Amino acid sequence: MRPVTRLRVEPRLEVRPATLQDVGALESFIAAYTSDGTLLPRTRANLLHHVRDFRVAFDGDLLVGCGALQVVSTRLAEVRSVAVHPEWRGGGIGSRIVEELLRDAHDLGLGRVFCLTRRQSFFARLGFVTIPKESFPHKIWNDCRLCPRQACCDEIAMERLPAYRSGSESEAPA
């Protein structure tokens, strides 16, 4: 008898703007990443209010990644709530989500995009550089004061370099 060779089935990955029908899946997905500190908790009410900020990645019916772009002012937005299911990490899903969020920021005419993260190397590969957290006093007042990790925050503030473009338009800074 010949050995059975399994064919690797490529995922049916779709990255798209979130809809109201995704809120339940987003709520569960984000909750799964709050205990280890990857993501901050978000209530259903918060997700309903910010659903238009989210990009989601689905493999068929399974949510495998998400991220949001929250507008802070007419010139500034924050990339937040970026996570990828462990079994799908390393395949570019997180990068694809963030690049779509950056395109959204560009389309809105936003000149600056920042994030607070514990995954510095991931964002550095996408053209973000480390900056002082104090650069964002509005963030600290609005969100950080409510954070359960406020007293022992280990997140790093990073900002996207305005001159950086993905693809062949230009190269990432050295």
N, C-alpha and C. Protein backbone atom coordinates (compact mmCIF):
# COMPACT_ATOMS: atom_id res chain seq x y z
N MET A 1 0.84 -1.17 0.00
CA MET A 1 0.00 0.00 0.00
C MET A 1 0.89 1.25 0.00
N ARG A 2 0.58 2.21 -0.83
CA ARG A 2 1.34 3.45 -0.91
C ARG A 2 0.95 4.39 0.23
N PRO A 3 1.96 5.14 0.73
CA PRO A 3 1.63 6.11 1.78
C PRO A 3 0.74 7.23 1.22
N VAL A 4 -0.12 7.72 2.07
CA VAL A 4 -1.01 8.80 1.68
C VAL A 4 -0.26 10.12 1.83
N THR A 5 -0.26 10.90 0.79
CA THR A 5 0.36 12.22 0.84
C THR A 5 -0.74 13.26 1.00
N ARG A 6 -0.61 14.04 2.06
CA ARG A 6 -1.60 15.09 2.29
C ARG A 6 -1.23 16.32 1.48
N LEU A 7 -2.19 16.87 0.82
CA LEU A 7 -1.99 18.11 0.11
C LEU A 7 -2.27 19.26 1.06
N ARG A 8 -1.41 20.24 1.03
CA ARG A 8 -1.62 21.42 1.86
C ARG A 8 -2.66 22.30 1.18
N VAL A 9 -3.71 22.56 1.91
CA VAL A 9 -4.77 23.41 1.38
C VAL A 9 -4.45 24.85 1.76
N GLU A 10 -4.40 25.73 0.78
CA GLU A 10 -4.13 27.14 1.04
C GLU A 10 -5.35 27.75 1.72
N PRO A 11 -5.09 28.62 2.68
CA PRO A 11 -6.21 29.26 3.36
C PRO A 11 -6.99 30.16 2.41
N ARG A 12 -8.26 30.29 2.72
CA ARG A 12 -9.13 31.19 1.95
C ARG A 12 -9.14 32.53 2.67
N LEU A 13 -8.00 33.15 2.74
CA LEU A 13 -7.83 34.35 3.53
C LEU A 13 -8.47 35.56 2.86
N GLU A 14 -9.25 36.28 3.65
CA GLU A 14 -9.87 37.51 3.20
C GLU A 14 -9.62 38.57 4.28
N VAL A 15 -9.01 39.69 3.89
CA VAL A 15 -8.84 40.82 4.80
C VAL A 15 -9.78 41.90 4.30
N ARG A 16 -10.66 42.38 5.21
CA ARG A 16 -11.69 43.33 4.80
C ARG A 16 -12.10 44.19 5.98
N PRO A 17 -12.84 45.27 5.70
CA PRO A 17 -13.38 46.06 6.80
C PRO A 17 -14.37 45.22 7.61
N ALA A 18 -14.37 45.42 8.91
CA ALA A 18 -15.31 44.70 9.77
C ALA A 18 -16.73 45.21 9.54
N THR A 19 -17.69 44.33 9.80
CA THR A 19 -19.11 44.68 9.73
C THR A 19 -19.75 44.41 11.08
N LEU A 20 -20.97 44.84 11.23
CA LEU A 20 -21.69 44.58 12.49
C LEU A 20 -21.82 43.08 12.75
N GLN A 21 -21.90 42.28 11.71
CA GLN A 21 -21.99 40.83 11.89
C GLN A 21 -20.72 40.23 12.47
N ASP A 22 -19.60 40.96 12.42
CA ASP A 22 -18.32 40.48 12.94
C ASP A 22 -18.12 40.80 14.42
N VAL A 23 -18.98 41.62 15.02
CA VAL A 23 -18.75 42.10 16.38
C VAL A 23 -18.64 40.96 17.39
N GLY A 24 -19.50 39.96 17.30
CA GLY A 24 -19.44 38.82 18.23
C GLY A 24 -18.11 38.08 18.12
N ALA A 25 -17.68 37.81 16.89
CA ALA A 25 -16.41 37.12 16.68
C ALA A 25 -15.24 37.99 17.16
N LEU A 26 -15.31 39.29 16.89
CA LEU A 26 -14.26 40.21 17.35
C LEU A 26 -14.19 40.24 18.87
N GLU A 27 -15.34 40.28 19.51
CA GLU A 27 -15.38 40.32 20.97
C GLU A 27 -14.70 39.08 21.56
N SER A 28 -15.01 37.91 21.04
CA SER A 28 -14.40 36.66 21.51
C SER A 28 -12.91 36.61 21.19
N PHE A 29 -12.57 37.02 19.98
CA PHE A 29 -11.17 36.98 19.54
C PHE A 29 -10.31 37.89 20.42
N ILE A 30 -10.74 39.11 20.64
CA ILE A 30 -9.98 40.05 21.46
C ILE A 30 -9.90 39.56 22.90
N ALA A 31 -10.99 39.02 23.42
CA ALA A 31 -10.99 38.50 24.80
C ALA A 31 -9.93 37.41 24.98
N ALA A 32 -9.70 36.61 23.93
CA ALA A 32 -8.71 35.53 24.02
C ALA A 32 -7.29 36.06 24.16
N TYR A 33 -7.05 37.34 23.82
CA TYR A 33 -5.72 37.92 23.87
C TYR A 33 -5.56 38.98 24.96
N THR A 34 -6.50 39.04 25.89
CA THR A 34 -6.38 40.01 26.97
C THR A 34 -5.66 39.45 28.18
N SER A 35 -5.81 38.16 28.47
CA SER A 35 -5.18 37.60 29.67
C SER A 35 -3.66 37.62 29.62
N ASP A 36 -3.08 37.49 28.42
CA ASP A 36 -1.62 37.51 28.30
C ASP A 36 -1.09 38.93 28.05
N GLY A 37 -1.99 39.91 27.98
CA GLY A 37 -1.58 41.29 27.81
C GLY A 37 -1.35 41.71 26.37
N THR A 38 -1.62 40.82 25.41
CA THR A 38 -1.44 41.19 24.01
C THR A 38 -2.37 42.34 23.64
N LEU A 39 -3.62 42.23 24.06
CA LEU A 39 -4.61 43.28 23.77
C LEU A 39 -5.28 43.73 25.06
N LEU A 40 -5.73 44.96 25.05
CA LEU A 40 -6.54 45.46 26.16
C LEU A 40 -7.98 45.03 25.95
N PRO A 41 -8.71 44.81 27.03
CA PRO A 41 -10.12 44.40 26.88
C PRO A 41 -10.93 45.46 26.15
N ARG A 42 -11.91 45.01 25.39
CA ARG A 42 -12.84 45.91 24.71
C ARG A 42 -14.24 45.36 24.91
N THR A 43 -15.14 46.20 25.33
CA THR A 43 -16.52 45.78 25.55
C THR A 43 -17.26 45.68 24.23
N ARG A 44 -18.38 45.00 24.26
CA ARG A 44 -19.22 44.92 23.06
C ARG A 44 -19.65 46.32 22.63
N ALA A 45 -20.01 47.15 23.62
CA ALA A 45 -20.43 48.52 23.31
C ALA A 45 -19.30 49.28 22.62
N ASN A 46 -18.07 49.11 23.10
CA ASN A 46 -16.91 49.77 22.49
C ASN A 46 -16.71 49.26 21.06
N LEU A 47 -16.83 47.95 20.87
CA LEU A 47 -16.65 47.39 19.53
C LEU A 47 -17.75 47.87 18.58
N LEU A 48 -18.98 47.95 19.05
CA LEU A 48 -20.06 48.47 18.21
C LEU A 48 -19.77 49.91 17.80
N HIS A 49 -19.28 50.68 18.75
CA HIS A 49 -18.96 52.09 18.48
C HIS A 49 -17.80 52.23 17.49
N HIS A 50 -16.84 51.30 17.54
CA HIS A 50 -15.62 51.41 16.72
C HIS A 50 -15.53 50.36 15.60
N VAL A 51 -16.61 49.69 15.29
CA VAL A 51 -16.54 48.61 14.30
C VAL A 51 -15.99 49.10 12.96
N ARG A 52 -16.27 50.35 12.59
CA ARG A 52 -15.78 50.86 11.31
C ARG A 52 -14.27 51.10 11.32
N ASP A 53 -13.65 51.08 12.51
CA ASP A 53 -12.19 51.25 12.62
C ASP A 53 -11.44 49.97 12.29
N PHE A 54 -12.12 48.83 12.33
CA PHE A 54 -11.47 47.52 12.27
C PHE A 54 -11.33 46.98 10.86
N ARG A 55 -10.20 46.29 10.66
CA ARG A 55 -10.00 45.38 9.54
C ARG A 55 -9.95 44.00 10.16
N VAL A 56 -10.55 43.03 9.50
CA VAL A 56 -10.55 41.66 9.99
C VAL A 56 -10.00 40.73 8.92
N ALA A 57 -9.37 39.65 9.36
CA ALA A 57 -8.86 38.62 8.45
C ALA A 57 -9.60 37.32 8.77
N PHE A 58 -10.22 36.75 7.77
CA PHE A 58 -10.95 35.50 7.93
C PHE A 58 -10.35 34.44 7.02
N ASP A 59 -10.26 33.23 7.55
CA ASP A 59 -9.97 32.05 6.75
C ASP A 59 -11.29 31.29 6.71
N GLY A 60 -12.02 31.45 5.63
CA GLY A 60 -13.38 30.90 5.59
C GLY A 60 -14.24 31.65 6.60
N ASP A 61 -14.80 30.89 7.55
CA ASP A 61 -15.64 31.48 8.59
C ASP A 61 -14.89 31.77 9.87
N LEU A 62 -13.59 31.50 9.90
CA LEU A 62 -12.80 31.65 11.12
C LEU A 62 -12.05 32.97 11.14
N LEU A 63 -12.29 33.78 12.17
CA LEU A 63 -11.55 35.03 12.35
C LEU A 63 -10.14 34.67 12.80
N VAL A 64 -9.13 35.09 12.02
CA VAL A 64 -7.75 34.75 12.34
C VAL A 64 -6.88 35.97 12.62
N GLY A 65 -7.44 37.17 12.45
CA GLY A 65 -6.66 38.37 12.74
C GLY A 65 -7.53 39.61 12.72
N CYS A 66 -7.04 40.64 13.40
CA CYS A 66 -7.77 41.90 13.41
C CYS A 66 -6.82 43.05 13.72
N GLY A 67 -7.28 44.24 13.47
CA GLY A 67 -6.57 45.45 13.81
C GLY A 67 -7.50 46.63 13.57
N ALA A 68 -7.22 47.73 14.26
CA ALA A 68 -8.08 48.91 14.13
C ALA A 68 -7.25 50.16 13.94
N LEU A 69 -7.83 51.13 13.27
CA LEU A 69 -7.25 52.45 13.10
C LEU A 69 -8.21 53.43 13.75
N GLN A 70 -7.79 53.99 14.87
CA GLN A 70 -8.64 54.94 15.58
C GLN A 70 -8.14 56.35 15.32
N VAL A 71 -8.99 57.17 14.75
CA VAL A 71 -8.64 58.56 14.47
C VAL A 71 -8.60 59.32 15.78
N VAL A 72 -7.50 60.04 16.01
CA VAL A 72 -7.30 60.80 17.23
C VAL A 72 -7.56 62.28 16.99
N SER A 73 -7.10 62.78 15.84
CA SER A 73 -7.31 64.18 15.48
C SER A 73 -7.30 64.26 13.96
N THR A 74 -7.37 65.46 13.42
CA THR A 74 -7.39 65.62 11.97
C THR A 74 -6.06 65.26 11.32
N ARG A 75 -5.02 65.07 12.13
CA ARG A 75 -3.69 64.74 11.58
C ARG A 75 -3.09 63.46 12.15
N LEU A 76 -3.78 62.81 13.09
CA LEU A 76 -3.17 61.71 13.83
C LEU A 76 -4.15 60.56 14.04
N ALA A 77 -3.65 59.33 13.89
CA ALA A 77 -4.44 58.13 14.17
C ALA A 77 -3.57 57.11 14.89
N GLU A 78 -4.23 56.20 15.58
CA GLU A 78 -3.53 55.13 16.30
C GLU A 78 -3.91 53.78 15.72
N VAL A 79 -2.91 52.95 15.43
CA VAL A 79 -3.14 51.56 15.09
C VAL A 79 -3.23 50.81 16.41
N ARG A 80 -4.31 50.06 16.60
CA ARG A 80 -4.50 49.36 17.86
C ARG A 80 -5.24 48.05 17.65
N SER A 81 -5.24 47.24 18.69
CA SER A 81 -5.95 45.95 18.69
C SER A 81 -5.49 45.02 17.57
N VAL A 82 -4.19 45.01 17.28
CA VAL A 82 -3.65 44.12 16.25
C VAL A 82 -3.29 42.78 16.88
N ALA A 83 -3.88 41.73 16.34
CA ALA A 83 -3.57 40.38 16.82
C ALA A 83 -3.83 39.38 15.70
N VAL A 84 -3.07 38.28 15.71
CA VAL A 84 -3.23 37.20 14.75
C VAL A 84 -3.27 35.89 15.53
N HIS A 85 -4.17 35.02 15.16
CA HIS A 85 -4.29 33.70 15.78
C HIS A 85 -2.93 33.00 15.70
N PRO A 86 -2.50 32.35 16.79
CA PRO A 86 -1.16 31.72 16.82
C PRO A 86 -0.87 30.78 15.65
N GLU A 87 -1.85 30.03 15.18
CA GLU A 87 -1.64 29.08 14.09
C GLU A 87 -1.45 29.77 12.74
N TRP A 88 -1.75 31.04 12.65
CA TRP A 88 -1.63 31.78 11.40
C TRP A 88 -0.50 32.81 11.45
N ARG A 89 0.22 32.88 12.55
CA ARG A 89 1.31 33.86 12.68
C ARG A 89 2.47 33.49 11.76
N GLY A 90 3.19 34.51 11.31
CA GLY A 90 4.36 34.29 10.47
C GLY A 90 4.05 34.23 8.99
N GLY A 91 2.79 34.35 8.64
CA GLY A 91 2.40 34.29 7.23
C GLY A 91 2.07 35.63 6.61
N GLY A 92 2.32 36.71 7.33
CA GLY A 92 2.09 38.03 6.78
C GLY A 92 0.71 38.61 7.02
N ILE A 93 -0.13 37.92 7.78
CA ILE A 93 -1.48 38.42 8.02
C ILE A 93 -1.45 39.72 8.82
N GLY A 94 -0.68 39.77 9.88
CA GLY A 94 -0.59 40.98 10.68
C GLY A 94 -0.08 42.15 9.87
N SER A 95 0.94 41.92 9.07
CA SER A 95 1.49 42.98 8.21
C SER A 95 0.44 43.46 7.21
N ARG A 96 -0.29 42.53 6.66
CA ARG A 96 -1.32 42.89 5.68
C ARG A 96 -2.41 43.74 6.33
N ILE A 97 -2.81 43.37 7.55
CA ILE A 97 -3.83 44.15 8.25
C ILE A 97 -3.31 45.56 8.51
N VAL A 98 -2.10 45.67 9.03
CA VAL A 98 -1.55 47.00 9.34
C VAL A 98 -1.38 47.82 8.07
N GLU A 99 -0.91 47.23 6.98
CA GLU A 99 -0.77 47.97 5.73
C GLU A 99 -2.12 48.48 5.23
N GLU A 100 -3.17 47.69 5.40
CA GLU A 100 -4.52 48.16 5.01
C GLU A 100 -4.95 49.32 5.90
N LEU A 101 -4.64 49.24 7.19
CA LEU A 101 -4.97 50.34 8.10
C LEU A 101 -4.20 51.60 7.72
N LEU A 102 -2.95 51.44 7.33
CA LEU A 102 -2.14 52.58 6.91
C LEU A 102 -2.68 53.20 5.62
N ARG A 103 -3.19 52.37 4.72
CA ARG A 103 -3.84 52.89 3.51
C ARG A 103 -5.09 53.68 3.89
N ASP A 104 -5.85 53.16 4.87
CA ASP A 104 -7.02 53.90 5.35
C ASP A 104 -6.61 55.26 5.89
N ALA A 105 -5.53 55.30 6.67
CA ALA A 105 -5.05 56.57 7.23
C ALA A 105 -4.67 57.52 6.10
N HIS A 106 -3.98 57.01 5.11
CA HIS A 106 -3.59 57.83 3.96
C HIS A 106 -4.82 58.37 3.24
N ASP A 107 -5.80 57.49 3.00
CA ASP A 107 -7.02 57.90 2.30
C ASP A 107 -7.78 58.97 3.08
N LEU A 108 -7.67 58.96 4.40
CA LEU A 108 -8.32 59.96 5.24
C LEU A 108 -7.52 61.26 5.31
N GLY A 109 -6.30 61.26 4.78
CA GLY A 109 -5.45 62.44 4.80
C GLY A 109 -4.70 62.62 6.11
N LEU A 110 -4.55 61.54 6.85
CA LEU A 110 -3.83 61.61 8.13
C LEU A 110 -2.33 61.52 7.89
N GLY A 111 -1.58 62.46 8.43
CA GLY A 111 -0.15 62.51 8.22
C GLY A 111 0.66 61.67 9.18
N ARG A 112 0.10 61.39 10.35
CA ARG A 112 0.86 60.65 11.37
C ARG A 112 0.03 59.47 11.88
N VAL A 113 0.73 58.35 12.09
CA VAL A 113 0.11 57.15 12.65
C VAL A 113 1.05 56.61 13.71
N PHE A 114 0.51 56.29 14.89
CA PHE A 114 1.33 55.74 15.96
C PHE A 114 0.67 54.50 16.53
N CYS A 115 1.42 53.82 17.37
CA CYS A 115 0.89 52.67 18.11
C CYS A 115 1.61 52.59 19.45
N LEU A 116 0.98 51.94 20.39
CA LEU A 116 1.63 51.53 21.63
C LEU A 116 1.67 50.02 21.58
N THR A 117 2.85 49.44 21.73
CA THR A 117 2.99 48.01 21.48
C THR A 117 4.04 47.37 22.38
N ARG A 118 3.93 46.06 22.50
CA ARG A 118 4.97 45.24 23.12
C ARG A 118 5.69 44.44 22.04
N ARG A 119 5.30 44.62 20.79
CA ARG A 119 5.87 43.90 19.64
C ARG A 119 6.65 44.88 18.76
N GLN A 120 7.70 45.43 19.33
CA GLN A 120 8.48 46.47 18.67
C GLN A 120 9.04 46.01 17.32
N SER A 121 9.58 44.81 17.25
CA SER A 121 10.22 44.36 16.00
C SER A 121 9.20 44.22 14.87
N PHE A 122 7.99 43.80 15.18
CA PHE A 122 6.94 43.68 14.16
C PHE A 122 6.67 45.05 13.53
N PHE A 123 6.43 46.05 14.36
CA PHE A 123 6.12 47.37 13.84
C PHE A 123 7.33 48.04 13.19
N ALA A 124 8.53 47.76 13.69
CA ALA A 124 9.73 48.31 13.08
C ALA A 124 9.88 47.83 11.64
N ARG A 125 9.53 46.56 11.38
CA ARG A 125 9.60 46.03 10.01
C ARG A 125 8.63 46.77 9.07
N LEU A 126 7.62 47.41 9.65
CA LEU A 126 6.62 48.12 8.84
C LEU A 126 6.89 49.62 8.78
N GLY A 127 8.09 50.04 9.22
CA GLY A 127 8.48 51.43 9.10
C GLY A 127 8.18 52.31 10.30
N PHE A 128 7.82 51.71 11.42
CA PHE A 128 7.57 52.47 12.64
C PHE A 128 8.89 52.63 13.41
N VAL A 129 9.05 53.77 14.08
CA VAL A 129 10.23 54.01 14.91
C VAL A 129 9.77 54.35 16.33
N THR A 130 10.62 54.03 17.29
CA THR A 130 10.31 54.28 18.70
C THR A 130 10.38 55.78 18.99
N ILE A 131 9.41 56.25 19.74
CA ILE A 131 9.35 57.65 20.16
C ILE A 131 8.91 57.69 21.62
N PRO A 132 9.10 58.81 22.31
CA PRO A 132 8.67 58.89 23.72
C PRO A 132 7.14 58.83 23.84
N LYS A 133 6.67 58.08 24.82
CA LYS A 133 5.22 58.02 25.08
C LYS A 133 4.65 59.39 25.36
N GLU A 134 5.46 60.24 25.95
CA GLU A 134 5.00 61.58 26.31
C GLU A 134 4.60 62.40 25.07
N SER A 135 4.92 61.91 23.88
CA SER A 135 4.52 62.59 22.65
C SER A 135 3.01 62.56 22.45
N PHE A 136 2.33 61.73 23.23
CA PHE A 136 0.89 61.53 23.06
C PHE A 136 0.13 61.74 24.37
N PRO A 137 0.15 62.96 24.92
CA PRO A 137 -0.53 63.18 26.20
C PRO A 137 -2.03 62.90 26.13
N HIS A 138 -2.64 63.14 24.96
CA HIS A 138 -4.07 62.85 24.80
C HIS A 138 -4.35 61.36 24.96
N LYS A 139 -3.46 60.52 24.47
CA LYS A 139 -3.61 59.08 24.59
C LYS A 139 -3.53 58.67 26.05
N ILE A 140 -2.54 59.22 26.74
CA ILE A 140 -2.36 58.88 28.15
C ILE A 140 -3.59 59.31 28.95
N TRP A 141 -4.12 60.49 28.65
CA TRP A 141 -5.29 60.96 29.38
C TRP A 141 -6.53 60.13 29.05
N ASN A 142 -6.76 59.84 27.77
CA ASN A 142 -7.99 59.16 27.36
C ASN A 142 -8.00 57.67 27.65
N ASP A 143 -6.94 56.97 27.31
CA ASP A 143 -6.95 55.51 27.38
C ASP A 143 -6.09 54.94 28.50
N CYS A 144 -4.88 55.45 28.63
CA CYS A 144 -3.94 54.85 29.57
C CYS A 144 -4.43 54.97 31.02
N ARG A 145 -5.13 56.03 31.33
CA ARG A 145 -5.61 56.21 32.70
C ARG A 145 -6.62 55.13 33.08
N LEU A 146 -7.23 54.47 32.10
CA LEU A 146 -8.20 53.41 32.35
C LEU A 146 -7.62 52.00 32.23
N CYS A 147 -6.36 51.93 31.83
CA CYS A 147 -5.73 50.64 31.55
C CYS A 147 -5.39 49.90 32.84
N PRO A 148 -5.66 48.60 32.89
CA PRO A 148 -5.31 47.81 34.07
C PRO A 148 -3.80 47.69 34.30
N ARG A 149 -3.00 47.95 33.25
CA ARG A 149 -1.54 47.87 33.38
C ARG A 149 -0.89 49.24 33.54
N GLN A 150 -1.68 50.26 33.85
CA GLN A 150 -1.15 51.62 33.90
C GLN A 150 0.07 51.75 34.80
N ALA A 151 0.03 51.14 35.98
CA ALA A 151 1.13 51.28 36.93
C ALA A 151 2.39 50.51 36.51
N CYS A 152 2.22 49.52 35.64
CA CYS A 152 3.38 48.72 35.22
C CYS A 152 3.40 48.55 33.70
N CYS A 153 3.17 49.63 32.98
CA CYS A 153 3.09 49.59 31.52
C CYS A 153 4.45 49.24 30.91
N ASP A 154 4.43 48.27 30.00
CA ASP A 154 5.65 47.90 29.31
C ASP A 154 5.52 48.12 27.79
N GLU A 155 4.53 48.90 27.40
CA GLU A 155 4.36 49.17 25.98
C GLU A 155 5.30 50.29 25.53
N ILE A 156 5.66 50.22 24.26
CA ILE A 156 6.56 51.18 23.64
C ILE A 156 5.75 51.98 22.63
N ALA A 157 5.94 53.28 22.61
CA ALA A 157 5.29 54.13 21.61
C ALA A 157 6.12 54.11 20.34
N MET A 158 5.43 53.95 19.22
CA MET A 158 6.10 53.95 17.92
C MET A 158 5.27 54.76 16.94
N GLU A 159 5.96 55.41 16.02
CA GLU A 159 5.27 56.21 15.01
C GLU A 159 5.76 55.79 13.64
N ARG A 160 4.86 55.80 12.69
CA ARG A 160 5.21 55.46 11.31
C ARG A 160 5.96 56.63 10.70
N LEU A 161 7.08 56.34 10.10
CA LEU A 161 7.85 57.37 9.41
C LEU A 161 7.05 57.84 8.19
N PRO A 162 6.81 59.13 8.05
CA PRO A 162 6.00 59.62 6.93
C PRO A 162 6.57 59.28 5.56
N ALA A 163 7.89 59.23 5.42
CA ALA A 163 8.50 58.99 4.12
C ALA A 163 8.49 57.51 3.73
N TYR A 164 8.21 56.62 4.68
CA TYR A 164 8.25 55.19 4.39
C TYR A 164 7.03 54.79 3.57
N ARG A 165 7.24 54.01 2.55
CA ARG A 165 6.15 53.46 1.74
C ARG A 165 6.42 51.98 1.56
N SER A 166 5.37 51.19 1.57
CA SER A 166 5.55 49.75 1.35
C SER A 166 5.76 49.49 -0.14
N GLY A 167 6.22 48.31 -0.43
CA GLY A 167 6.40 47.90 -1.81
C GLY A 167 7.58 48.58 -2.47
N SER A 168 7.46 48.84 -3.75
CA SER A 168 8.60 49.35 -4.51
C SER A 168 8.66 50.87 -4.57
N GLU A 169 7.71 51.57 -3.92
CA GLU A 169 7.72 53.03 -4.00
C GLU A 169 9.02 53.59 -3.41
N SER A 170 9.43 53.06 -2.29
CA SER A 170 10.72 53.42 -1.69
C SER A 170 11.08 52.34 -0.70
N GLU A 171 12.26 52.41 -0.18
CA GLU A 171 12.71 51.40 0.76
C GLU A 171 12.55 51.87 2.18
N ALA A 172 12.44 50.91 3.09
CA ALA A 172 12.38 51.24 4.50
C ALA A 172 13.71 51.85 4.93
N PRO A 173 13.67 52.75 5.91
CA PRO A 173 14.91 53.36 6.37
C PRO A 173 15.83 52.32 6.99
N ALA A 174 17.12 52.57 6.88
CA ALA A 174 18.11 51.64 7.45
C ALA A 174 18.16 51.74 8.95
